[in-house]
Amino acid sequence: MPAKNSLKWAWASDQYPQTVRDASSRLRGLTDLTGFEVFQSALIECDESMAWEIAALACKYMQALGVYRIPHGHIHSYVLITEVRDVA
């Protein structure tokens, strides 16, 4: 279980489907772009503010539409919104 004030990448977690892990692994390319090793480490220390900053960088890099934070008790998942569908 990740420590409090930490972020674990989807590519490093077997709790996500392989398609999600594969898509998330593309974010490792942000290391070359930014020089920040946080995009290569499976688990990093960060607070909520830093998690949002990382999510914003990931959103821009992946050309996503936005980011949503899913709360689940003391754990939050940050997910990229890649498409919006009309379900009506």
N, C-alpha and C. Protein backbone atom coordinates (compact mmCIF):
# COMPACT_ATOMS: atom_id res chain seq x y z
N MET A 1 0.85 -1.18 0.00
CA MET A 1 0.00 0.00 0.00
C MET A 1 0.89 1.24 0.00
N PRO A 2 0.57 2.21 -0.86
CA PRO A 2 1.39 3.42 -0.91
C PRO A 2 1.33 4.19 0.41
N ALA A 3 2.42 4.87 0.71
CA ALA A 3 2.49 5.68 1.92
C ALA A 3 1.64 6.93 1.75
N LYS A 4 1.25 7.52 2.88
CA LYS A 4 0.51 8.77 2.83
C LYS A 4 1.38 9.83 2.17
N ASN A 5 0.74 10.72 1.41
CA ASN A 5 1.45 11.76 0.67
C ASN A 5 2.39 11.16 -0.37
N SER A 6 1.86 10.19 -1.07
CA SER A 6 2.64 9.57 -2.15
C SER A 6 1.76 9.42 -3.38
N LEU A 7 2.42 9.18 -4.49
CA LEU A 7 1.73 8.96 -5.75
C LEU A 7 2.32 7.72 -6.39
N LYS A 8 1.45 6.81 -6.78
CA LYS A 8 1.90 5.61 -7.48
C LYS A 8 1.30 5.66 -8.88
N TRP A 9 2.15 5.55 -9.87
CA TRP A 9 1.71 5.61 -11.26
C TRP A 9 0.88 4.39 -11.62
N ALA A 10 -0.10 4.60 -12.50
CA ALA A 10 -0.93 3.48 -12.96
C ALA A 10 -0.08 2.42 -13.66
N TRP A 11 0.97 2.86 -14.37
CA TRP A 11 1.83 1.89 -15.07
C TRP A 11 2.55 0.96 -14.11
N ALA A 12 2.62 1.35 -12.85
CA ALA A 12 3.34 0.55 -11.85
C ALA A 12 2.39 -0.28 -10.97
N SER A 13 1.11 -0.25 -11.28
CA SER A 13 0.13 -0.93 -10.43
C SER A 13 -0.61 -2.02 -11.19
N ASP A 14 -0.61 -3.22 -10.64
CA ASP A 14 -1.34 -4.31 -11.28
C ASP A 14 -2.84 -4.26 -10.99
N GLN A 15 -3.29 -3.22 -10.31
CA GLN A 15 -4.71 -3.05 -10.03
C GLN A 15 -5.47 -2.47 -11.22
N TYR A 16 -4.73 -2.01 -12.23
CA TYR A 16 -5.36 -1.42 -13.41
C TYR A 16 -5.25 -2.39 -14.58
N PRO A 17 -6.21 -2.30 -15.51
CA PRO A 17 -6.11 -3.14 -16.72
C PRO A 17 -4.84 -2.82 -17.50
N GLN A 18 -4.37 -3.80 -18.26
CA GLN A 18 -3.14 -3.62 -19.03
C GLN A 18 -3.23 -2.44 -19.98
N THR A 19 -4.39 -2.20 -20.57
CA THR A 19 -4.54 -1.06 -21.49
C THR A 19 -4.28 0.26 -20.78
N VAL A 20 -4.72 0.38 -19.54
CA VAL A 20 -4.50 1.60 -18.75
C VAL A 20 -3.02 1.71 -18.39
N ARG A 21 -2.41 0.61 -18.01
CA ARG A 21 -0.98 0.64 -17.67
C ARG A 21 -0.13 0.99 -18.88
N ASP A 22 -0.50 0.45 -20.04
CA ASP A 22 0.24 0.77 -21.26
C ASP A 22 0.12 2.26 -21.60
N ALA A 23 -1.09 2.80 -21.52
CA ALA A 23 -1.29 4.23 -21.82
C ALA A 23 -0.52 5.08 -20.81
N SER A 24 -0.59 4.71 -19.54
CA SER A 24 0.09 5.47 -18.50
C SER A 24 1.61 5.43 -18.66
N SER A 25 2.13 4.34 -19.18
CA SER A 25 3.59 4.24 -19.32
C SER A 25 4.13 5.28 -20.30
N ARG A 26 3.30 5.80 -21.18
CA ARG A 26 3.73 6.87 -22.09
C ARG A 26 4.18 8.11 -21.31
N LEU A 27 3.67 8.28 -20.09
CA LEU A 27 4.03 9.45 -19.28
C LEU A 27 5.50 9.44 -18.86
N ARG A 28 6.15 8.31 -18.97
CA ARG A 28 7.58 8.25 -18.67
C ARG A 28 8.37 9.17 -19.60
N GLY A 29 7.80 9.44 -20.77
CA GLY A 29 8.42 10.35 -21.72
C GLY A 29 8.54 11.77 -21.20
N LEU A 30 7.78 12.10 -20.17
CA LEU A 30 7.89 13.43 -19.57
C LEU A 30 9.24 13.65 -18.90
N THR A 31 9.95 12.58 -18.57
CA THR A 31 11.28 12.72 -17.99
C THR A 31 12.21 13.42 -18.97
N ASP A 32 12.19 12.99 -20.22
CA ASP A 32 13.04 13.62 -21.25
C ASP A 32 12.65 15.08 -21.48
N LEU A 33 11.36 15.35 -21.45
CA LEU A 33 10.87 16.69 -21.71
C LEU A 33 11.15 17.66 -20.56
N THR A 34 10.99 17.17 -19.32
CA THR A 34 11.10 18.06 -18.15
C THR A 34 12.41 17.90 -17.38
N GLY A 35 13.04 16.74 -17.50
CA GLY A 35 14.22 16.46 -16.70
C GLY A 35 13.89 15.97 -15.30
N PHE A 36 12.61 15.81 -14.99
CA PHE A 36 12.17 15.37 -13.66
C PHE A 36 12.07 13.85 -13.61
N GLU A 37 12.78 13.26 -12.67
CA GLU A 37 12.80 11.81 -12.52
C GLU A 37 11.50 11.26 -11.94
N VAL A 38 10.61 12.12 -11.44
CA VAL A 38 9.36 11.63 -10.85
C VAL A 38 8.53 10.83 -11.85
N PHE A 39 8.76 11.04 -13.13
CA PHE A 39 7.99 10.33 -14.14
C PHE A 39 8.55 8.93 -14.42
N GLN A 40 9.69 8.60 -13.84
CA GLN A 40 10.29 7.28 -13.98
C GLN A 40 10.13 6.43 -12.73
N SER A 41 9.94 7.05 -11.58
CA SER A 41 9.83 6.33 -10.32
C SER A 41 8.39 5.83 -10.13
N ALA A 42 8.25 4.56 -9.81
CA ALA A 42 6.92 3.96 -9.65
C ALA A 42 6.14 4.63 -8.53
N LEU A 43 6.81 5.00 -7.46
CA LEU A 43 6.17 5.60 -6.29
C LEU A 43 6.98 6.81 -5.88
N ILE A 44 6.31 7.95 -5.75
CA ILE A 44 7.01 9.18 -5.36
C ILE A 44 6.30 9.83 -4.18
N GLU A 45 7.06 10.60 -3.41
CA GLU A 45 6.46 11.39 -2.33
C GLU A 45 5.94 12.69 -2.92
N CYS A 46 4.70 13.03 -2.58
CA CYS A 46 4.15 14.30 -3.02
C CYS A 46 2.92 14.64 -2.19
N ASP A 47 2.58 15.91 -2.17
CA ASP A 47 1.36 16.33 -1.50
C ASP A 47 0.27 16.53 -2.57
N GLU A 48 -0.91 16.93 -2.13
CA GLU A 48 -2.03 17.08 -3.07
C GLU A 48 -1.75 18.13 -4.14
N SER A 49 -1.11 19.21 -3.76
CA SER A 49 -0.79 20.27 -4.71
C SER A 49 0.13 19.75 -5.81
N MET A 50 1.15 19.01 -5.41
CA MET A 50 2.08 18.45 -6.40
C MET A 50 1.39 17.41 -7.27
N ALA A 51 0.48 16.63 -6.68
CA ALA A 51 -0.26 15.63 -7.45
C ALA A 51 -1.08 16.31 -8.55
N TRP A 52 -1.71 17.44 -8.23
CA TRP A 52 -2.46 18.19 -9.25
C TRP A 52 -1.53 18.74 -10.33
N GLU A 53 -0.36 19.21 -9.94
CA GLU A 53 0.60 19.73 -10.92
C GLU A 53 1.06 18.62 -11.87
N ILE A 54 1.33 17.46 -11.31
CA ILE A 54 1.74 16.32 -12.13
C ILE A 54 0.59 15.90 -13.05
N ALA A 55 -0.62 15.89 -12.50
CA ALA A 55 -1.79 15.53 -13.31
C ALA A 55 -1.99 16.52 -14.46
N ALA A 56 -1.75 17.80 -14.20
CA ALA A 56 -1.88 18.81 -15.26
C ALA A 56 -0.83 18.61 -16.35
N LEU A 57 0.41 18.32 -15.96
CA LEU A 57 1.45 18.01 -16.94
C LEU A 57 1.09 16.78 -17.76
N ALA A 58 0.59 15.76 -17.08
CA ALA A 58 0.20 14.53 -17.77
C ALA A 58 -0.94 14.81 -18.74
N CYS A 59 -1.90 15.63 -18.33
CA CYS A 59 -3.03 15.98 -19.18
C CYS A 59 -2.56 16.66 -20.46
N LYS A 60 -1.70 17.62 -20.33
CA LYS A 60 -1.18 18.34 -21.48
C LYS A 60 -0.37 17.40 -22.39
N TYR A 61 0.50 16.61 -21.79
CA TYR A 61 1.37 15.71 -22.55
C TYR A 61 0.56 14.67 -23.32
N MET A 62 -0.49 14.15 -22.69
CA MET A 62 -1.31 13.11 -23.33
C MET A 62 -2.43 13.69 -24.18
N GLN A 63 -2.50 15.01 -24.25
CA GLN A 63 -3.54 15.71 -25.00
C GLN A 63 -4.93 15.26 -24.57
N ALA A 64 -5.10 15.12 -23.26
CA ALA A 64 -6.39 14.76 -22.68
C ALA A 64 -7.28 15.99 -22.57
N LEU A 65 -8.54 15.76 -22.30
CA LEU A 65 -9.50 16.86 -22.18
C LEU A 65 -9.50 17.48 -20.79
N GLY A 66 -9.08 16.71 -19.81
CA GLY A 66 -9.07 17.21 -18.44
C GLY A 66 -8.64 16.12 -17.47
N VAL A 67 -8.71 16.46 -16.19
CA VAL A 67 -8.32 15.54 -15.12
C VAL A 67 -9.44 15.51 -14.09
N TYR A 68 -9.70 14.35 -13.55
CA TYR A 68 -10.69 14.19 -12.49
C TYR A 68 -10.04 13.45 -11.34
N ARG A 69 -10.31 13.92 -10.12
CA ARG A 69 -9.79 13.22 -8.93
C ARG A 69 -10.92 12.39 -8.33
N ILE A 70 -10.69 11.10 -8.22
CA ILE A 70 -11.68 10.20 -7.65
C ILE A 70 -11.31 9.95 -6.19
N PRO A 71 -12.13 10.43 -5.26
CA PRO A 71 -11.83 10.18 -3.84
C PRO A 71 -12.32 8.79 -3.43
N HIS A 72 -11.53 8.13 -2.62
CA HIS A 72 -11.92 6.84 -2.05
C HIS A 72 -11.29 6.74 -0.67
N GLY A 73 -12.00 7.22 0.33
CA GLY A 73 -11.44 7.27 1.68
C GLY A 73 -10.26 8.22 1.72
N HIS A 74 -9.12 7.74 2.19
CA HIS A 74 -7.92 8.58 2.26
C HIS A 74 -7.08 8.49 0.98
N ILE A 75 -7.53 7.69 0.01
CA ILE A 75 -6.80 7.53 -1.25
C ILE A 75 -7.54 8.29 -2.35
N HIS A 76 -6.79 8.93 -3.21
CA HIS A 76 -7.37 9.62 -4.35
C HIS A 76 -6.69 9.12 -5.62
N SER A 77 -7.49 8.92 -6.65
CA SER A 77 -6.96 8.56 -7.96
C SER A 77 -7.17 9.74 -8.89
N TYR A 78 -6.13 10.09 -9.60
CA TYR A 78 -6.21 11.16 -10.60
C TYR A 78 -6.27 10.50 -11.96
N VAL A 79 -7.36 10.73 -12.69
CA VAL A 79 -7.55 10.09 -13.99
C VAL A 79 -7.69 11.14 -15.08
N LEU A 80 -7.15 10.82 -16.23
CA LEU A 80 -7.26 11.72 -17.37
C LEU A 80 -8.57 11.44 -18.10
N ILE A 81 -9.23 12.50 -18.51
CA ILE A 81 -10.45 12.39 -19.30
C ILE A 81 -10.01 12.47 -20.76
N THR A 82 -10.20 11.38 -21.48
CA THR A 82 -9.73 11.32 -22.86
C THR A 82 -10.85 11.49 -23.87
N GLU A 83 -12.08 11.30 -23.44
CA GLU A 83 -13.21 11.52 -24.33
C GLU A 83 -14.47 11.75 -23.51
N VAL A 84 -15.43 12.42 -24.13
CA VAL A 84 -16.73 12.64 -23.52
C VAL A 84 -17.76 12.10 -24.51
N ARG A 85 -18.61 11.23 -24.02
CA ARG A 85 -19.63 10.62 -24.87
C ARG A 85 -21.02 11.06 -24.45
N ASP A 86 -21.88 11.18 -25.41
CA ASP A 86 -23.30 11.46 -25.15
C ASP A 86 -23.99 10.12 -24.95
N VAL A 87 -24.51 9.90 -23.78
CA VAL A 87 -25.14 8.61 -23.49
C VAL A 87 -26.65 8.67 -23.65
N ALA A 88 -27.17 9.80 -24.03
CA ALA A 88 -28.63 9.93 -24.19
C ALA A 88 -29.10 9.33 -25.49
